[in-house]
Amino acid sequence: MRTYRAVNLNVLWFLIALNVVLFIIEIAIGGYPITAANEVVSFLGLTPSLLSQQPWTIISSMFVHGGLIHIIFNMIALYFLGSFLIRAAGEKSFLTIFFLGGMAGNVLFILLTHPSSTGIGASGGIFALAGALAIMVPKMPVIIFPLPIPMPLWIAVIILLFFSFLFAGIAWQAHLGGLLLGLVAGIIFKRKRRISYF
């Protein structure tokens, strides 16, 4: 059993605030609904064919979102998964998994999508957090809206990944890449620390 002490979640709140501020700027500059023509999206979003000219987008695309539902669900998931991982593994591990997961997702997006497609969103990093926790605390009960029934985290992750493949406009490549990175990170943490997580 691992006991948790009070932790500082300032870095998590900063990431959430950054996403929200950029979303407001997107709307202020380009209006709503947000499209690929939005100046913020075109400057910060990841377009494979433009990567050599905009290398920062491998990271910056993680902080741009395409709609209200997109950012709300991502930020809720980022808060709950991120706060738990910070308590379980520390702030440094949280940041490492989030950013490496986001970049891994973006790399898979580059390799498996049309070069002119634009990818945005924090989902790659979020799936990395989910993947790590699915290894560390697979039986942790979670609820996927709108399903009112608690389910083990590992099942929830599978369901969410499955839905990624069903709907057009979702970058399943980023989800899959982030998840794979997270699973590897979770295995490493569990073996390294030899701690039983509940």
N, C-alpha and C. Protein backbone atom coordinates (compact mmCIF):
# COMPACT_ATOMS: atom_id res chain seq x y z
N MET A 1 0.85 -1.20 0.00
CA MET A 1 0.00 0.00 0.00
C MET A 1 0.88 1.24 0.00
N ARG A 2 0.50 2.22 -0.79
CA ARG A 2 1.26 3.46 -0.82
C ARG A 2 0.41 4.58 -0.26
N THR A 3 0.98 5.33 0.67
CA THR A 3 0.25 6.46 1.23
C THR A 3 0.64 7.72 0.47
N TYR A 4 -0.31 8.63 0.34
CA TYR A 4 -0.09 9.85 -0.42
C TYR A 4 -0.03 11.05 0.51
N ARG A 5 0.98 11.87 0.33
CA ARG A 5 1.04 13.12 1.06
C ARG A 5 0.49 14.23 0.15
N ALA A 6 0.23 15.36 0.75
CA ALA A 6 -0.26 16.50 -0.03
C ALA A 6 0.80 16.87 -1.07
N VAL A 7 0.37 17.13 -2.28
CA VAL A 7 1.30 17.47 -3.34
C VAL A 7 0.90 18.79 -3.97
N ASN A 8 1.87 19.40 -4.63
CA ASN A 8 1.65 20.66 -5.32
C ASN A 8 1.22 20.37 -6.75
N LEU A 9 0.03 20.83 -7.10
CA LEU A 9 -0.50 20.60 -8.45
C LEU A 9 -0.38 21.84 -9.33
N ASN A 10 0.49 22.77 -8.94
CA ASN A 10 0.61 24.02 -9.70
C ASN A 10 1.00 23.78 -11.16
N VAL A 11 1.89 22.82 -11.40
CA VAL A 11 2.32 22.57 -12.78
C VAL A 11 1.16 22.04 -13.62
N LEU A 12 0.31 21.24 -13.00
CA LEU A 12 -0.86 20.72 -13.70
C LEU A 12 -1.84 21.84 -14.02
N TRP A 13 -2.09 22.70 -13.04
CA TRP A 13 -2.99 23.84 -13.27
C TRP A 13 -2.43 24.78 -14.32
N PHE A 14 -1.10 24.92 -14.36
CA PHE A 14 -0.48 25.78 -15.37
C PHE A 14 -0.74 25.23 -16.78
N LEU A 15 -0.58 23.91 -16.95
CA LEU A 15 -0.82 23.30 -18.26
C LEU A 15 -2.29 23.48 -18.68
N ILE A 16 -3.20 23.29 -17.74
CA ILE A 16 -4.62 23.46 -18.04
C ILE A 16 -4.91 24.92 -18.42
N ALA A 17 -4.35 25.85 -17.64
CA ALA A 17 -4.56 27.27 -17.92
C ALA A 17 -4.00 27.65 -19.29
N LEU A 18 -2.84 27.10 -19.63
CA LEU A 18 -2.24 27.39 -20.93
C LEU A 18 -3.15 26.94 -22.07
N ASN A 19 -3.71 25.76 -21.93
CA ASN A 19 -4.65 25.25 -22.94
C ASN A 19 -5.87 26.16 -23.06
N VAL A 20 -6.41 26.57 -21.94
CA VAL A 20 -7.62 27.40 -21.94
C VAL A 20 -7.32 28.77 -22.55
N VAL A 21 -6.20 29.38 -22.16
CA VAL A 21 -5.84 30.69 -22.69
C VAL A 21 -5.65 30.63 -24.20
N LEU A 22 -4.96 29.62 -24.69
CA LEU A 22 -4.75 29.49 -26.13
C LEU A 22 -6.07 29.25 -26.86
N PHE A 23 -6.99 28.53 -26.22
CA PHE A 23 -8.29 28.29 -26.83
C PHE A 23 -9.06 29.61 -26.97
N ILE A 24 -8.99 30.44 -25.94
CA ILE A 24 -9.65 31.74 -25.99
C ILE A 24 -9.02 32.61 -27.09
N ILE A 25 -7.70 32.55 -27.21
CA ILE A 25 -7.02 33.31 -28.26
C ILE A 25 -7.44 32.82 -29.65
N GLU A 26 -7.57 31.49 -29.80
CA GLU A 26 -8.04 30.94 -31.07
C GLU A 26 -9.37 31.56 -31.48
N ILE A 27 -10.29 31.60 -30.54
CA ILE A 27 -11.62 32.15 -30.82
C ILE A 27 -11.55 33.65 -31.08
N ALA A 28 -10.74 34.35 -30.28
CA ALA A 28 -10.63 35.80 -30.42
C ALA A 28 -10.06 36.19 -31.79
N ILE A 29 -9.13 35.39 -32.28
CA ILE A 29 -8.49 35.71 -33.56
C ILE A 29 -9.29 35.22 -34.76
N GLY A 30 -9.75 33.97 -34.67
CA GLY A 30 -10.37 33.36 -35.85
C GLY A 30 -11.84 33.08 -35.75
N GLY A 31 -12.45 33.37 -34.60
CA GLY A 31 -13.87 33.11 -34.44
C GLY A 31 -14.17 31.65 -34.14
N TYR A 32 -15.46 31.37 -34.05
CA TYR A 32 -15.91 30.01 -33.74
C TYR A 32 -17.02 29.62 -34.70
N PRO A 33 -17.07 28.43 -35.26
CA PRO A 33 -16.22 27.28 -34.93
C PRO A 33 -14.79 27.44 -35.46
N ILE A 34 -13.89 26.70 -34.83
CA ILE A 34 -12.48 26.76 -35.17
C ILE A 34 -12.20 25.83 -36.35
N THR A 35 -11.43 26.33 -37.32
CA THR A 35 -11.09 25.54 -38.49
C THR A 35 -9.56 25.50 -38.65
N ALA A 36 -9.11 24.70 -39.61
CA ALA A 36 -7.67 24.61 -39.87
C ALA A 36 -7.10 25.93 -40.38
N ALA A 37 -7.98 26.83 -40.87
CA ALA A 37 -7.55 28.14 -41.36
C ALA A 37 -7.30 29.12 -40.22
N ASN A 38 -7.72 28.78 -39.00
CA ASN A 38 -7.49 29.63 -37.85
C ASN A 38 -5.99 29.91 -37.72
N GLU A 39 -5.61 31.17 -37.53
CA GLU A 39 -4.19 31.54 -37.51
C GLU A 39 -3.41 30.84 -36.40
N VAL A 40 -4.04 30.66 -35.25
CA VAL A 40 -3.36 29.99 -34.14
C VAL A 40 -3.16 28.51 -34.47
N VAL A 41 -4.19 27.89 -35.05
CA VAL A 41 -4.10 26.48 -35.43
C VAL A 41 -3.04 26.28 -36.51
N SER A 42 -3.03 27.14 -37.50
CA SER A 42 -2.06 26.99 -38.59
C SER A 42 -0.63 27.24 -38.12
N PHE A 43 -0.47 28.06 -37.05
CA PHE A 43 0.87 28.35 -36.55
C PHE A 43 1.36 27.32 -35.53
N LEU A 44 0.44 26.82 -34.70
CA LEU A 44 0.83 25.90 -33.63
C LEU A 44 0.44 24.45 -33.89
N GLY A 45 -0.51 24.22 -34.80
CA GLY A 45 -0.94 22.86 -35.11
C GLY A 45 0.11 22.10 -35.91
N LEU A 46 0.07 20.77 -35.79
CA LEU A 46 1.06 19.92 -36.46
C LEU A 46 0.57 19.49 -37.84
N THR A 47 1.24 20.00 -38.87
CA THR A 47 0.99 19.59 -40.25
C THR A 47 2.26 18.93 -40.77
N PRO A 48 2.25 17.61 -41.00
CA PRO A 48 3.47 16.89 -41.38
C PRO A 48 4.27 17.53 -42.51
N SER A 49 3.60 18.02 -43.54
CA SER A 49 4.31 18.59 -44.68
C SER A 49 5.03 19.90 -44.34
N LEU A 50 4.64 20.51 -43.21
CA LEU A 50 5.24 21.79 -42.82
C LEU A 50 6.18 21.66 -41.62
N LEU A 51 6.42 20.44 -41.19
CA LEU A 51 7.20 20.23 -39.96
C LEU A 51 8.60 20.81 -40.06
N SER A 52 9.24 20.70 -41.22
CA SER A 52 10.60 21.23 -41.37
C SER A 52 10.62 22.75 -41.23
N GLN A 53 9.50 23.40 -41.56
CA GLN A 53 9.41 24.85 -41.46
C GLN A 53 8.89 25.28 -40.08
N GLN A 54 8.13 24.39 -39.43
CA GLN A 54 7.55 24.69 -38.12
C GLN A 54 7.84 23.55 -37.14
N PRO A 55 9.11 23.35 -36.79
CA PRO A 55 9.47 22.20 -35.93
C PRO A 55 8.86 22.27 -34.53
N TRP A 56 8.53 23.47 -34.06
CA TRP A 56 7.94 23.61 -32.72
C TRP A 56 6.57 22.94 -32.59
N THR A 57 5.93 22.69 -33.74
CA THR A 57 4.57 22.15 -33.69
C THR A 57 4.52 20.72 -33.17
N ILE A 58 5.65 20.03 -33.09
CA ILE A 58 5.67 18.68 -32.52
C ILE A 58 5.26 18.73 -31.04
N ILE A 59 5.44 19.91 -30.42
CA ILE A 59 5.03 20.11 -29.02
C ILE A 59 3.85 21.07 -28.92
N SER A 60 3.92 22.18 -29.65
CA SER A 60 2.89 23.22 -29.50
C SER A 60 1.49 22.75 -29.87
N SER A 61 1.40 21.76 -30.75
CA SER A 61 0.09 21.24 -31.17
C SER A 61 -0.67 20.61 -30.01
N MET A 62 0.06 20.25 -28.94
CA MET A 62 -0.56 19.62 -27.78
C MET A 62 -1.40 20.62 -26.98
N PHE A 63 -1.26 21.91 -27.27
CA PHE A 63 -1.94 22.93 -26.48
C PHE A 63 -3.00 23.69 -27.27
N VAL A 64 -3.35 23.16 -28.44
CA VAL A 64 -4.36 23.79 -29.30
C VAL A 64 -5.53 22.82 -29.45
N HIS A 65 -6.74 23.34 -29.39
CA HIS A 65 -7.93 22.48 -29.48
C HIS A 65 -8.92 22.99 -30.51
N GLY A 66 -9.73 22.06 -31.02
CA GLY A 66 -10.60 22.38 -32.14
C GLY A 66 -12.03 22.71 -31.81
N GLY A 67 -12.41 22.70 -30.54
CA GLY A 67 -13.79 22.99 -30.18
C GLY A 67 -13.99 22.93 -28.68
N LEU A 68 -15.15 23.37 -28.25
CA LEU A 68 -15.45 23.43 -26.82
C LEU A 68 -15.47 22.04 -26.18
N ILE A 69 -16.14 21.09 -26.82
CA ILE A 69 -16.20 19.73 -26.29
C ILE A 69 -14.81 19.12 -26.23
N HIS A 70 -14.03 19.37 -27.27
CA HIS A 70 -12.66 18.85 -27.35
C HIS A 70 -11.84 19.29 -26.14
N ILE A 71 -11.83 20.58 -25.85
CA ILE A 71 -10.99 21.06 -24.75
C ILE A 71 -11.57 20.69 -23.39
N ILE A 72 -12.89 20.71 -23.24
CA ILE A 72 -13.49 20.37 -21.94
C ILE A 72 -13.15 18.94 -21.54
N PHE A 73 -13.37 17.99 -22.44
CA PHE A 73 -13.10 16.59 -22.11
C PHE A 73 -11.61 16.36 -21.89
N ASN A 74 -10.77 16.99 -22.72
CA ASN A 74 -9.33 16.81 -22.54
C ASN A 74 -8.84 17.39 -21.22
N MET A 75 -9.35 18.55 -20.84
CA MET A 75 -8.88 19.17 -19.60
C MET A 75 -9.38 18.42 -18.37
N ILE A 76 -10.60 17.89 -18.42
CA ILE A 76 -11.09 17.08 -17.31
C ILE A 76 -10.23 15.82 -17.15
N ALA A 77 -9.94 15.17 -18.28
CA ALA A 77 -9.10 13.97 -18.24
C ALA A 77 -7.70 14.30 -17.78
N LEU A 78 -7.16 15.42 -18.25
CA LEU A 78 -5.80 15.82 -17.86
C LEU A 78 -5.74 16.07 -16.36
N TYR A 79 -6.77 16.72 -15.80
CA TYR A 79 -6.75 17.00 -14.36
C TYR A 79 -6.80 15.71 -13.53
N PHE A 80 -7.75 14.84 -13.82
CA PHE A 80 -7.92 13.66 -12.99
C PHE A 80 -6.76 12.67 -13.15
N LEU A 81 -6.37 12.40 -14.39
CA LEU A 81 -5.25 11.47 -14.60
C LEU A 81 -3.94 12.09 -14.13
N GLY A 82 -3.76 13.37 -14.44
CA GLY A 82 -2.52 14.05 -14.05
C GLY A 82 -2.35 14.16 -12.56
N SER A 83 -3.41 14.54 -11.84
CA SER A 83 -3.30 14.69 -10.39
C SER A 83 -3.00 13.35 -9.72
N PHE A 84 -3.58 12.27 -10.24
CA PHE A 84 -3.31 10.96 -9.66
C PHE A 84 -1.87 10.53 -9.93
N LEU A 85 -1.40 10.76 -11.15
CA LEU A 85 -0.04 10.34 -11.49
C LEU A 85 0.99 11.16 -10.72
N ILE A 86 0.72 12.44 -10.51
CA ILE A 86 1.64 13.27 -9.73
C ILE A 86 1.75 12.72 -8.31
N ARG A 87 0.62 12.32 -7.73
CA ARG A 87 0.64 11.76 -6.38
C ARG A 87 1.35 10.40 -6.35
N ALA A 88 1.19 9.65 -7.42
CA ALA A 88 1.75 8.29 -7.43
C ALA A 88 3.23 8.27 -7.80
N ALA A 89 3.63 9.12 -8.75
CA ALA A 89 4.99 9.02 -9.28
C ALA A 89 5.78 10.32 -9.23
N GLY A 90 5.12 11.43 -8.90
CA GLY A 90 5.84 12.69 -8.81
C GLY A 90 5.63 13.59 -10.01
N GLU A 91 5.92 14.86 -9.79
CA GLU A 91 5.71 15.89 -10.81
C GLU A 91 6.60 15.67 -12.03
N LYS A 92 7.86 15.32 -11.79
CA LYS A 92 8.80 15.13 -12.90
C LYS A 92 8.35 13.98 -13.80
N SER A 93 7.91 12.89 -13.19
CA SER A 93 7.45 11.75 -13.98
C SER A 93 6.19 12.11 -14.77
N PHE A 94 5.30 12.86 -14.14
CA PHE A 94 4.09 13.31 -14.83
C PHE A 94 4.44 14.10 -16.08
N LEU A 95 5.31 15.09 -15.93
CA LEU A 95 5.69 15.93 -17.07
C LEU A 95 6.39 15.11 -18.16
N THR A 96 7.26 14.19 -17.73
CA THR A 96 7.98 13.36 -18.70
C THR A 96 7.03 12.51 -19.52
N ILE A 97 6.09 11.85 -18.85
CA ILE A 97 5.14 10.98 -19.55
C ILE A 97 4.21 11.81 -20.44
N PHE A 98 3.74 12.94 -19.94
CA PHE A 98 2.82 13.77 -20.72
C PHE A 98 3.47 14.26 -22.00
N PHE A 99 4.66 14.83 -21.89
CA PHE A 99 5.30 15.40 -23.07
C PHE A 99 5.85 14.34 -24.02
N LEU A 100 6.46 13.30 -23.47
CA LEU A 100 6.96 12.23 -24.35
C LEU A 100 5.79 11.50 -25.02
N GLY A 101 4.69 11.32 -24.28
CA GLY A 101 3.51 10.69 -24.86
C GLY A 101 2.92 11.53 -25.96
N GLY A 102 2.86 12.84 -25.72
CA GLY A 102 2.34 13.73 -26.76
C GLY A 102 3.20 13.72 -28.00
N MET A 103 4.51 13.71 -27.82
CA MET A 103 5.41 13.69 -28.97
C MET A 103 5.37 12.34 -29.68
N ALA A 104 5.26 11.25 -28.91
CA ALA A 104 5.15 9.92 -29.52
C ALA A 104 3.89 9.83 -30.37
N GLY A 105 2.80 10.38 -29.84
CA GLY A 105 1.56 10.41 -30.59
C GLY A 105 1.69 11.23 -31.86
N ASN A 106 2.39 12.35 -31.75
CA ASN A 106 2.59 13.21 -32.93
C ASN A 106 3.47 12.54 -33.98
N VAL A 107 4.47 11.80 -33.53
CA VAL A 107 5.32 11.07 -34.48
C VAL A 107 4.50 10.05 -35.25
N LEU A 108 3.65 9.31 -34.54
CA LEU A 108 2.79 8.33 -35.22
C LEU A 108 1.81 9.03 -36.15
N PHE A 109 1.33 10.20 -35.74
CA PHE A 109 0.44 10.99 -36.60
C PHE A 109 1.15 11.38 -37.88
N ILE A 110 2.39 11.81 -37.77
CA ILE A 110 3.17 12.19 -38.95
C ILE A 110 3.36 11.00 -39.89
N LEU A 111 3.63 9.84 -39.32
CA LEU A 111 3.92 8.66 -40.13
C LEU A 111 2.68 8.05 -40.77
N LEU A 112 1.52 8.18 -40.14
CA LEU A 112 0.35 7.43 -40.58
C LEU A 112 -0.81 8.28 -41.07
N THR A 113 -0.57 9.57 -41.30
CA THR A 113 -1.66 10.41 -41.80
C THR A 113 -1.24 11.13 -43.07
N HIS A 114 -2.19 11.78 -43.72
CA HIS A 114 -1.89 12.54 -44.93
C HIS A 114 -1.00 13.73 -44.58
N PRO A 115 0.02 14.01 -45.37
CA PRO A 115 0.97 15.09 -45.05
C PRO A 115 0.33 16.46 -44.86
N SER A 116 -0.82 16.70 -45.48
CA SER A 116 -1.44 18.01 -45.38
C SER A 116 -2.46 18.10 -44.24
N SER A 117 -2.66 16.99 -43.52
CA SER A 117 -3.58 17.00 -42.38
C SER A 117 -2.97 17.79 -41.23
N THR A 118 -3.82 18.40 -40.41
CA THR A 118 -3.35 19.15 -39.25
C THR A 118 -3.87 18.49 -37.98
N GLY A 119 -2.95 18.17 -37.08
CA GLY A 119 -3.31 17.53 -35.82
C GLY A 119 -3.17 18.50 -34.65
N ILE A 120 -4.17 18.54 -33.79
CA ILE A 120 -4.14 19.39 -32.61
C ILE A 120 -4.75 18.65 -31.42
N GLY A 121 -4.36 19.07 -30.21
CA GLY A 121 -4.98 18.50 -29.02
C GLY A 121 -3.98 17.82 -28.10
N ALA A 122 -4.37 17.72 -26.83
CA ALA A 122 -3.53 17.13 -25.79
C ALA A 122 -3.74 15.63 -25.63
N SER A 123 -4.54 15.03 -26.51
CA SER A 123 -4.95 13.64 -26.32
C SER A 123 -3.78 12.65 -26.29
N GLY A 124 -2.73 12.89 -27.09
CA GLY A 124 -1.59 11.98 -27.07
C GLY A 124 -0.96 11.91 -25.68
N GLY A 125 -0.74 13.07 -25.08
CA GLY A 125 -0.19 13.12 -23.73
C GLY A 125 -1.13 12.54 -22.70
N ILE A 126 -2.43 12.79 -22.88
CA ILE A 126 -3.43 12.27 -21.94
C ILE A 126 -3.52 10.75 -22.03
N PHE A 127 -3.48 10.20 -23.24
CA PHE A 127 -3.49 8.75 -23.38
C PHE A 127 -2.22 8.13 -22.80
N ALA A 128 -1.12 8.88 -22.83
CA ALA A 128 0.10 8.38 -22.20
C ALA A 128 -0.08 8.28 -20.69
N LEU A 129 -0.70 9.30 -20.09
CA LEU A 129 -0.98 9.25 -18.65
C LEU A 129 -1.90 8.07 -18.33
N ALA A 130 -2.93 7.89 -19.18
CA ALA A 130 -3.87 6.79 -18.96
C ALA A 130 -3.18 5.44 -19.09
N GLY A 131 -2.30 5.33 -20.08
CA GLY A 131 -1.58 4.07 -20.28
C GLY A 131 -0.68 3.72 -19.10
N ALA A 132 0.03 4.73 -18.58
CA ALA A 132 0.90 4.49 -17.43
C ALA A 132 0.08 4.05 -16.22
N LEU A 133 -1.03 4.74 -15.98
CA LEU A 133 -1.86 4.40 -14.83
C LEU A 133 -2.57 3.06 -15.02
N ALA A 134 -2.88 2.70 -16.27
CA ALA A 134 -3.53 1.42 -16.53
C ALA A 134 -2.61 0.26 -16.15
N ILE A 135 -1.31 0.49 -16.18
CA ILE A 135 -0.36 -0.52 -15.72
C ILE A 135 -0.18 -0.44 -14.22
N MET A 136 -0.09 0.77 -13.70
CA MET A 136 0.19 0.96 -12.27
C MET A 136 -1.03 0.68 -11.39
N VAL A 137 -2.20 1.12 -11.85
CA VAL A 137 -3.44 0.94 -11.07
C VAL A 137 -4.56 0.47 -11.99
N PRO A 138 -4.44 -0.71 -12.57
CA PRO A 138 -5.40 -1.15 -13.58
C PRO A 138 -6.84 -1.26 -13.10
N LYS A 139 -7.03 -1.50 -11.81
CA LYS A 139 -8.39 -1.70 -11.28
C LYS A 139 -9.01 -0.41 -10.72
N MET A 140 -8.31 0.71 -10.85
CA MET A 140 -8.86 1.97 -10.35
C MET A 140 -10.18 2.27 -11.05
N PRO A 141 -11.28 2.47 -10.28
CA PRO A 141 -12.58 2.70 -10.90
C PRO A 141 -12.70 4.10 -11.51
N VAL A 142 -13.18 4.16 -12.73
CA VAL A 142 -13.40 5.43 -13.42
C VAL A 142 -14.76 5.39 -14.10
N ILE A 143 -15.25 6.56 -14.45
CA ILE A 143 -16.52 6.67 -15.17
C ILE A 143 -16.29 7.39 -16.49
N ILE A 144 -16.77 6.81 -17.57
CA ILE A 144 -16.69 7.46 -18.88
C ILE A 144 -18.06 8.07 -19.19
N PHE A 145 -18.09 9.39 -19.31
CA PHE A 145 -19.35 10.06 -19.64
C PHE A 145 -19.79 9.63 -21.05
N PRO A 146 -21.06 9.29 -21.28
CA PRO A 146 -22.19 9.43 -20.37
C PRO A 146 -22.56 8.13 -19.63
N LEU A 147 -21.67 7.12 -19.68
CA LEU A 147 -21.96 5.86 -19.00
C LEU A 147 -21.85 6.06 -17.49
N PRO A 148 -22.92 5.76 -16.73
CA PRO A 148 -22.92 6.03 -15.28
C PRO A 148 -22.30 4.91 -14.45
N ILE A 149 -21.74 3.90 -15.12
CA ILE A 149 -21.26 2.72 -14.40
C ILE A 149 -19.74 2.78 -14.24
N PRO A 150 -19.23 2.74 -12.98
CA PRO A 150 -17.78 2.70 -12.78
C PRO A 150 -17.19 1.43 -13.40
N MET A 151 -16.01 1.58 -13.97
CA MET A 151 -15.33 0.43 -14.58
C MET A 151 -13.84 0.54 -14.31
N PRO A 152 -13.11 -0.58 -14.35
CA PRO A 152 -11.66 -0.53 -14.15
C PRO A 152 -11.00 0.35 -15.20
N LEU A 153 -9.95 1.03 -14.81
CA LEU A 153 -9.27 1.96 -15.71
C LEU A 153 -8.82 1.29 -17.00
N TRP A 154 -8.30 0.07 -16.92
CA TRP A 154 -7.76 -0.57 -18.12
C TRP A 154 -8.87 -0.82 -19.14
N ILE A 155 -10.08 -1.11 -18.68
CA ILE A 155 -11.20 -1.30 -19.59
C ILE A 155 -11.60 0.04 -20.22
N ALA A 156 -11.62 1.09 -19.41
CA ALA A 156 -11.96 2.42 -19.91
C ALA A 156 -10.99 2.87 -20.99
N VAL A 157 -9.72 2.57 -20.81
CA VAL A 157 -8.71 2.95 -21.80
C VAL A 157 -8.96 2.23 -23.12
N ILE A 158 -9.28 0.95 -23.05
CA ILE A 158 -9.56 0.18 -24.27
C ILE A 158 -10.78 0.74 -24.99
N ILE A 159 -11.83 1.06 -24.23
CA ILE A 159 -13.06 1.60 -24.82
C ILE A 159 -12.77 2.93 -25.52
N LEU A 160 -12.04 3.82 -24.85
CA LEU A 160 -11.75 5.12 -25.43
C LEU A 160 -10.88 5.00 -26.68
N LEU A 161 -9.92 4.08 -26.66
CA LEU A 161 -9.10 3.87 -27.85
C LEU A 161 -9.94 3.33 -28.99
N PHE A 162 -10.85 2.42 -28.68
CA PHE A 162 -11.74 1.85 -29.69
C PHE A 162 -12.56 2.94 -30.37
N PHE A 163 -13.11 3.85 -29.57
CA PHE A 163 -13.91 4.94 -30.13
C PHE A 163 -13.07 5.87 -31.00
N SER A 164 -11.76 5.91 -30.74
CA SER A 164 -10.89 6.75 -31.56
C SER A 164 -10.89 6.34 -33.03
N PHE A 165 -11.12 5.04 -33.26
CA PHE A 165 -11.10 4.52 -34.62
C PHE A 165 -12.44 4.65 -35.33
N LEU A 166 -13.48 4.98 -34.57
CA LEU A 166 -14.83 4.97 -35.13
C LEU A 166 -15.26 6.27 -35.79
N PHE A 167 -14.74 7.38 -35.29
CA PHE A 167 -15.24 8.68 -35.74
C PHE A 167 -14.21 9.43 -36.57
N ALA A 168 -14.68 10.00 -37.67
CA ALA A 168 -13.81 10.81 -38.52
C ALA A 168 -13.40 12.07 -37.76
N GLY A 169 -12.20 12.53 -38.05
CA GLY A 169 -11.73 13.76 -37.42
C GLY A 169 -10.98 13.55 -36.12
N ILE A 170 -10.91 12.30 -35.65
CA ILE A 170 -10.14 12.00 -34.44
C ILE A 170 -8.80 11.41 -34.83
N ALA A 171 -7.74 11.97 -34.30
CA ALA A 171 -6.39 11.52 -34.63
C ALA A 171 -6.05 10.27 -33.81
N TRP A 172 -6.55 9.13 -34.28
CA TRP A 172 -6.31 7.88 -33.55
C TRP A 172 -4.82 7.57 -33.47
N GLN A 173 -4.07 8.06 -34.45
CA GLN A 173 -2.62 7.83 -34.45
C GLN A 173 -1.98 8.43 -33.20
N ALA A 174 -2.41 9.64 -32.85
CA ALA A 174 -1.86 10.31 -31.66
C ALA A 174 -2.28 9.58 -30.39
N HIS A 175 -3.53 9.12 -30.37
CA HIS A 175 -4.02 8.38 -29.20
C HIS A 175 -3.21 7.09 -29.02
N LEU A 176 -3.03 6.36 -30.11
CA LEU A 176 -2.31 5.09 -30.04
C LEU A 176 -0.85 5.29 -29.66
N GLY A 177 -0.21 6.27 -30.28
CA GLY A 177 1.20 6.53 -29.97
C GLY A 177 1.39 6.94 -28.52
N GLY A 178 0.52 7.81 -28.01
CA GLY A 178 0.61 8.21 -26.62
C GLY A 178 0.37 7.05 -25.68
N LEU A 179 -0.62 6.23 -25.99
CA LEU A 179 -0.94 5.08 -25.14
C LEU A 179 0.23 4.11 -25.06
N LEU A 180 0.85 3.81 -26.20
CA LEU A 180 1.97 2.87 -26.21
C LEU A 180 3.13 3.39 -25.36
N LEU A 181 3.40 4.70 -25.48
CA LEU A 181 4.46 5.29 -24.65
C LEU A 181 4.11 5.17 -23.18
N GLY A 182 2.84 5.45 -22.85
CA GLY A 182 2.40 5.37 -21.46
C GLY A 182 2.48 3.97 -20.89
N LEU A 183 2.12 2.97 -21.68
CA LEU A 183 2.20 1.59 -21.22
C LEU A 183 3.63 1.20 -20.87
N VAL A 184 4.56 1.61 -21.73
CA VAL A 184 5.98 1.32 -21.47
C VAL A 184 6.44 2.03 -20.20
N ALA A 185 6.03 3.29 -20.06
CA ALA A 185 6.42 4.06 -18.86
C ALA A 185 5.84 3.41 -17.61
N GLY A 186 4.59 2.95 -17.68
CA GLY A 186 3.97 2.31 -16.53
C GLY A 186 4.70 1.05 -16.11
N ILE A 187 5.13 0.26 -17.09
CA ILE A 187 5.89 -0.96 -16.81
C ILE A 187 7.21 -0.63 -16.12
N ILE A 188 7.87 0.41 -16.64
CA ILE A 188 9.16 0.83 -16.05
C ILE A 188 8.98 1.29 -14.61
N PHE A 189 7.97 2.12 -14.35
CA PHE A 189 7.73 2.60 -13.00
C PHE A 189 7.41 1.45 -12.06
N LYS A 190 6.58 0.53 -12.51
CA LYS A 190 6.16 -0.56 -11.64
C LYS A 190 7.33 -1.46 -11.29
N ARG A 191 8.19 -1.74 -12.25
CA ARG A 191 9.35 -2.59 -11.98
C ARG A 191 10.40 -1.88 -11.14
N LYS A 192 10.57 -0.60 -11.41
CA LYS A 192 11.59 0.17 -10.71
C LYS A 192 11.25 0.39 -9.25
N ARG A 193 10.00 0.69 -8.97
CA ARG A 193 9.60 1.04 -7.61
C ARG A 193 9.10 -0.15 -6.82
N ARG A 194 8.64 -1.18 -7.52
CA ARG A 194 8.11 -2.37 -6.85
C ARG A 194 7.09 -1.99 -5.78
N ILE A 195 6.14 -1.16 -6.16
CA ILE A 195 5.12 -0.69 -5.23
C ILE A 195 3.76 -1.22 -5.69
N SER A 196 2.96 -1.63 -4.75
CA SER A 196 1.60 -2.06 -5.09
C SER A 196 0.69 -0.86 -5.01
N TYR A 197 0.09 -0.51 -6.15
CA TYR A 197 -0.82 0.62 -6.21
C TYR A 197 -2.27 0.12 -6.12
N PHE A 198 -3.07 0.82 -5.38
CA PHE A 198 -4.47 0.44 -5.22
C PHE A 198 -5.34 1.43 -5.95
